Amino acid sequence: MNDKDSSNISRTNWAALEAMQDEDIDYSDIPPLTDEFFERATLRIPAAQAHQLVQIDLDLLRWFQSQGGEYKALINSVLRRYVEQGDEQSAV
């Protein structure tokens, strides 16, 4: 892509698109998603997001979520405290 391509003005009628209702959209040419599709499907996560993934056991996740508020921030603070305590113990 060059500068000329990125400076093109969209000819999309955004007002008409925003005004459309679901019933105005023709889905007839979209094939149904079958069980076979999902059996062959693979999850692809962009590299920028992949480094942030951590697998957490479901029971632990539910416990953090049950604490209310921002459970992700709570998980982060618990991990940070654990790391900082580990640093203090290794310094002794």
N, C-alpha and C. Protein backbone atom coordinates (compact mmCIF):
# COMPACT_ATOMS: atom_id res chain seq x y z
N MET A 1 0.85 -1.17 0.00
CA MET A 1 0.00 0.00 0.00
C MET A 1 0.90 1.23 0.00
N ASN A 2 0.52 2.23 -0.74
CA ASN A 2 1.29 3.47 -0.76
C ASN A 2 0.46 4.62 -0.23
N ASP A 3 1.08 5.80 -0.14
CA ASP A 3 0.37 6.97 0.41
C ASP A 3 -0.88 7.31 -0.37
N LYS A 4 -0.84 7.10 -1.68
CA LYS A 4 -1.98 7.42 -2.52
C LYS A 4 -3.18 6.55 -2.15
N ASP A 5 -2.93 5.26 -1.85
CA ASP A 5 -4.02 4.36 -1.48
C ASP A 5 -4.66 4.77 -0.15
N SER A 6 -3.87 5.16 0.82
CA SER A 6 -4.40 5.47 2.15
C SER A 6 -5.08 6.82 2.23
N SER A 7 -4.92 7.66 1.22
CA SER A 7 -5.55 8.97 1.27
C SER A 7 -6.87 9.00 0.51
N ASN A 8 -7.30 7.87 -0.04
CA ASN A 8 -8.57 7.82 -0.75
C ASN A 8 -9.71 8.06 0.23
N ILE A 9 -10.70 8.78 -0.23
CA ILE A 9 -11.87 9.06 0.58
C ILE A 9 -12.87 7.93 0.35
N SER A 10 -13.43 7.43 1.42
CA SER A 10 -14.41 6.35 1.31
C SER A 10 -15.65 6.83 0.60
N ARG A 11 -16.16 6.00 -0.28
CA ARG A 11 -17.41 6.33 -0.97
C ARG A 11 -18.59 5.61 -0.33
N THR A 12 -18.35 5.05 0.84
CA THR A 12 -19.42 4.37 1.57
C THR A 12 -20.41 5.39 2.10
N ASN A 13 -21.67 5.10 1.93
CA ASN A 13 -22.73 5.96 2.46
C ASN A 13 -22.95 5.55 3.92
N TRP A 14 -22.18 6.14 4.82
CA TRP A 14 -22.21 5.74 6.23
C TRP A 14 -23.56 6.01 6.87
N ALA A 15 -24.21 7.07 6.48
CA ALA A 15 -25.54 7.39 7.05
C ALA A 15 -26.54 6.30 6.70
N ALA A 16 -26.52 5.84 5.46
CA ALA A 16 -27.43 4.78 5.03
C ALA A 16 -27.09 3.47 5.74
N LEU A 17 -25.81 3.21 5.91
CA LEU A 17 -25.37 1.99 6.59
C LEU A 17 -25.81 1.99 8.05
N GLU A 18 -25.65 3.12 8.72
CA GLU A 18 -26.07 3.24 10.12
C GLU A 18 -27.58 3.11 10.27
N ALA A 19 -28.34 3.54 9.26
CA ALA A 19 -29.79 3.51 9.33
C ALA A 19 -30.36 2.11 9.08
N MET A 20 -29.55 1.20 8.55
CA MET A 20 -30.03 -0.14 8.23
C MET A 20 -30.42 -0.90 9.50
N GLN A 21 -31.46 -1.68 9.38
CA GLN A 21 -31.90 -2.58 10.44
C GLN A 21 -31.42 -3.98 10.10
N ASP A 22 -31.39 -4.88 11.08
CA ASP A 22 -30.95 -6.25 10.82
C ASP A 22 -31.76 -6.91 9.71
N GLU A 23 -33.05 -6.64 9.67
CA GLU A 23 -33.90 -7.28 8.66
C GLU A 23 -33.60 -6.76 7.25
N ASP A 24 -32.87 -5.65 7.13
CA ASP A 24 -32.50 -5.12 5.82
C ASP A 24 -31.29 -5.83 5.22
N ILE A 25 -30.59 -6.61 6.01
CA ILE A 25 -29.36 -7.25 5.57
C ILE A 25 -29.68 -8.63 5.00
N ASP A 26 -29.17 -8.90 3.80
CA ASP A 26 -29.40 -10.19 3.14
C ASP A 26 -28.28 -11.15 3.50
N TYR A 27 -28.59 -12.14 4.31
CA TYR A 27 -27.61 -13.13 4.74
C TYR A 27 -27.67 -14.40 3.89
N SER A 28 -28.47 -14.43 2.86
CA SER A 28 -28.73 -15.66 2.13
C SER A 28 -27.50 -16.26 1.46
N ASP A 29 -26.50 -15.46 1.16
CA ASP A 29 -25.32 -16.00 0.47
C ASP A 29 -24.22 -16.42 1.45
N ILE A 30 -24.50 -16.36 2.74
CA ILE A 30 -23.51 -16.76 3.74
C ILE A 30 -23.80 -18.21 4.13
N PRO A 31 -22.84 -19.11 3.94
CA PRO A 31 -23.10 -20.51 4.29
C PRO A 31 -23.25 -20.69 5.80
N PRO A 32 -24.03 -21.66 6.21
CA PRO A 32 -24.21 -21.89 7.65
C PRO A 32 -22.91 -22.43 8.28
N LEU A 33 -22.71 -22.14 9.54
CA LEU A 33 -21.54 -22.65 10.25
C LEU A 33 -21.91 -24.00 10.84
N THR A 34 -21.32 -25.04 10.27
CA THR A 34 -21.65 -26.40 10.67
C THR A 34 -20.69 -26.90 11.75
N ASP A 35 -21.01 -28.07 12.31
CA ASP A 35 -20.11 -28.69 13.28
C ASP A 35 -18.75 -28.96 12.65
N GLU A 36 -18.75 -29.35 11.37
CA GLU A 36 -17.49 -29.62 10.66
C GLU A 36 -16.61 -28.36 10.62
N PHE A 37 -17.24 -27.21 10.40
CA PHE A 37 -16.48 -25.95 10.39
C PHE A 37 -15.77 -25.76 11.72
N PHE A 38 -16.50 -25.94 12.82
CA PHE A 38 -15.91 -25.70 14.14
C PHE A 38 -14.89 -26.75 14.51
N GLU A 39 -15.02 -27.97 13.98
CA GLU A 39 -14.02 -29.00 14.22
C GLU A 39 -12.69 -28.65 13.57
N ARG A 40 -12.75 -27.99 12.42
CA ARG A 40 -11.52 -27.64 11.70
C ARG A 40 -11.00 -26.25 12.06
N ALA A 41 -11.82 -25.46 12.70
CA ALA A 41 -11.44 -24.07 13.01
C ALA A 41 -10.29 -24.02 14.00
N THR A 42 -9.44 -23.03 13.84
CA THR A 42 -8.35 -22.81 14.79
C THR A 42 -8.42 -21.38 15.30
N LEU A 43 -8.07 -21.23 16.56
CA LEU A 43 -8.05 -19.91 17.17
C LEU A 43 -6.73 -19.24 16.83
N ARG A 44 -6.80 -18.08 16.26
CA ARG A 44 -5.59 -17.32 15.94
C ARG A 44 -5.62 -16.01 16.71
N ILE A 45 -4.61 -15.82 17.53
CA ILE A 45 -4.53 -14.64 18.38
C ILE A 45 -3.41 -13.76 17.86
N PRO A 46 -3.68 -12.48 17.60
CA PRO A 46 -2.61 -11.59 17.14
C PRO A 46 -1.43 -11.61 18.10
N ALA A 47 -0.23 -11.56 17.55
CA ALA A 47 0.99 -11.67 18.35
C ALA A 47 1.03 -10.62 19.46
N ALA A 48 0.53 -9.43 19.20
CA ALA A 48 0.55 -8.37 20.21
C ALA A 48 -0.28 -8.75 21.44
N GLN A 49 -1.31 -9.56 21.25
CA GLN A 49 -2.15 -9.97 22.38
C GLN A 49 -1.70 -11.29 22.99
N ALA A 50 -1.05 -12.13 22.21
CA ALA A 50 -0.70 -13.47 22.66
C ALA A 50 0.22 -13.47 23.87
N HIS A 51 1.12 -12.51 23.98
CA HIS A 51 2.06 -12.50 25.10
C HIS A 51 1.38 -12.17 26.42
N GLN A 52 0.14 -11.74 26.38
CA GLN A 52 -0.57 -11.38 27.60
C GLN A 52 -1.49 -12.50 28.10
N LEU A 53 -1.52 -13.63 27.39
CA LEU A 53 -2.43 -14.71 27.78
C LEU A 53 -1.86 -15.53 28.91
N VAL A 54 -2.69 -15.82 29.88
CA VAL A 54 -2.33 -16.68 31.00
C VAL A 54 -3.51 -17.61 31.21
N GLN A 55 -3.23 -18.90 31.33
CA GLN A 55 -4.31 -19.84 31.60
C GLN A 55 -4.54 -19.94 33.10
N ILE A 56 -5.76 -19.69 33.51
CA ILE A 56 -6.12 -19.71 34.92
C ILE A 56 -7.19 -20.78 35.10
N ASP A 57 -7.03 -21.62 36.11
CA ASP A 57 -8.03 -22.65 36.38
C ASP A 57 -9.39 -21.98 36.60
N LEU A 58 -10.42 -22.65 36.10
CA LEU A 58 -11.76 -22.08 36.14
C LEU A 58 -12.22 -21.75 37.55
N ASP A 59 -11.91 -22.61 38.52
CA ASP A 59 -12.34 -22.33 39.89
C ASP A 59 -11.66 -21.08 40.44
N LEU A 60 -10.39 -20.87 40.09
CA LEU A 60 -9.70 -19.65 40.53
C LEU A 60 -10.29 -18.42 39.86
N LEU A 61 -10.54 -18.51 38.58
CA LEU A 61 -11.13 -17.38 37.86
C LEU A 61 -12.47 -17.00 38.46
N ARG A 62 -13.30 -17.99 38.73
CA ARG A 62 -14.62 -17.71 39.32
C ARG A 62 -14.48 -17.07 40.70
N TRP A 63 -13.49 -17.51 41.48
CA TRP A 63 -13.30 -16.91 42.79
C TRP A 63 -12.93 -15.43 42.66
N PHE A 64 -11.98 -15.11 41.78
CA PHE A 64 -11.59 -13.72 41.58
C PHE A 64 -12.77 -12.90 41.08
N GLN A 65 -13.55 -13.45 40.16
CA GLN A 65 -14.72 -12.73 39.65
C GLN A 65 -15.75 -12.49 40.74
N SER A 66 -15.87 -13.43 41.68
CA SER A 66 -16.86 -13.30 42.75
C SER A 66 -16.48 -12.23 43.76
N GLN A 67 -15.25 -11.77 43.72
CA GLN A 67 -14.81 -10.75 44.68
C GLN A 67 -15.33 -9.37 44.32
N GLY A 68 -15.92 -9.24 43.15
CA GLY A 68 -16.47 -7.97 42.72
C GLY A 68 -15.39 -7.06 42.17
N GLY A 69 -15.82 -6.01 41.55
CA GLY A 69 -14.87 -5.05 40.99
C GLY A 69 -14.11 -5.60 39.81
N GLU A 70 -12.95 -5.06 39.61
CA GLU A 70 -12.11 -5.43 38.47
C GLU A 70 -11.28 -6.65 38.82
N TYR A 71 -11.77 -7.83 38.46
CA TYR A 71 -11.07 -9.06 38.86
C TYR A 71 -9.70 -9.18 38.22
N LYS A 72 -9.52 -8.62 37.01
CA LYS A 72 -8.20 -8.69 36.37
C LYS A 72 -7.17 -7.87 37.15
N ALA A 73 -7.59 -6.71 37.63
CA ALA A 73 -6.69 -5.88 38.43
C ALA A 73 -6.37 -6.58 39.75
N LEU A 74 -7.34 -7.28 40.32
CA LEU A 74 -7.11 -8.02 41.56
C LEU A 74 -6.10 -9.14 41.33
N ILE A 75 -6.26 -9.89 40.25
CA ILE A 75 -5.29 -10.94 39.92
C ILE A 75 -3.90 -10.35 39.77
N ASN A 76 -3.80 -9.24 39.08
CA ASN A 76 -2.51 -8.58 38.88
C ASN A 76 -1.89 -8.15 40.20
N SER A 77 -2.70 -7.59 41.10
CA SER A 77 -2.15 -7.13 42.39
C SER A 77 -1.70 -8.31 43.25
N VAL A 78 -2.44 -9.42 43.21
CA VAL A 78 -2.04 -10.61 43.97
C VAL A 78 -0.71 -11.15 43.43
N LEU A 79 -0.58 -11.22 42.13
CA LEU A 79 0.67 -11.70 41.53
C LEU A 79 1.84 -10.76 41.86
N ARG A 80 1.57 -9.45 41.81
CA ARG A 80 2.62 -8.48 42.12
C ARG A 80 3.10 -8.64 43.56
N ARG A 81 2.14 -8.80 44.51
CA ARG A 81 2.49 -9.00 45.91
C ARG A 81 3.33 -10.27 46.09
N TYR A 82 2.96 -11.31 45.39
CA TYR A 82 3.70 -12.57 45.47
C TYR A 82 5.14 -12.38 44.99
N VAL A 83 5.31 -11.69 43.88
CA VAL A 83 6.65 -11.45 43.34
C VAL A 83 7.46 -10.58 44.30
N GLU A 84 6.84 -9.51 44.83
CA GLU A 84 7.56 -8.63 45.74
C GLU A 84 7.96 -9.34 47.03
N GLN A 85 7.10 -10.20 47.54
CA GLN A 85 7.46 -10.99 48.75
C GLN A 85 8.58 -11.94 48.45
N GLY A 86 8.60 -12.51 47.26
CA GLY A 86 9.67 -13.39 46.86
C GLY A 86 10.99 -12.66 46.77
N ASP A 87 10.96 -11.42 46.27
CA ASP A 87 12.17 -10.59 46.19
C ASP A 87 12.69 -10.27 47.59
N GLU A 88 11.79 -9.98 48.53
CA GLU A 88 12.19 -9.67 49.90
C GLU A 88 12.82 -10.88 50.58
N GLN A 89 12.27 -12.05 50.36
CA GLN A 89 12.79 -13.28 50.96
C GLN A 89 14.16 -13.65 50.40
N SER A 90 14.36 -13.42 49.11
CA SER A 90 15.65 -13.77 48.51
C SER A 90 16.74 -12.79 48.92
N ALA A 91 16.36 -11.58 49.36
CA ALA A 91 17.34 -10.57 49.79
C ALA A 91 17.83 -10.84 51.21
N VAL A 92 17.10 -11.67 51.96
CA VAL A 92 17.44 -11.93 53.36
C VAL A 92 18.54 -12.96 53.46
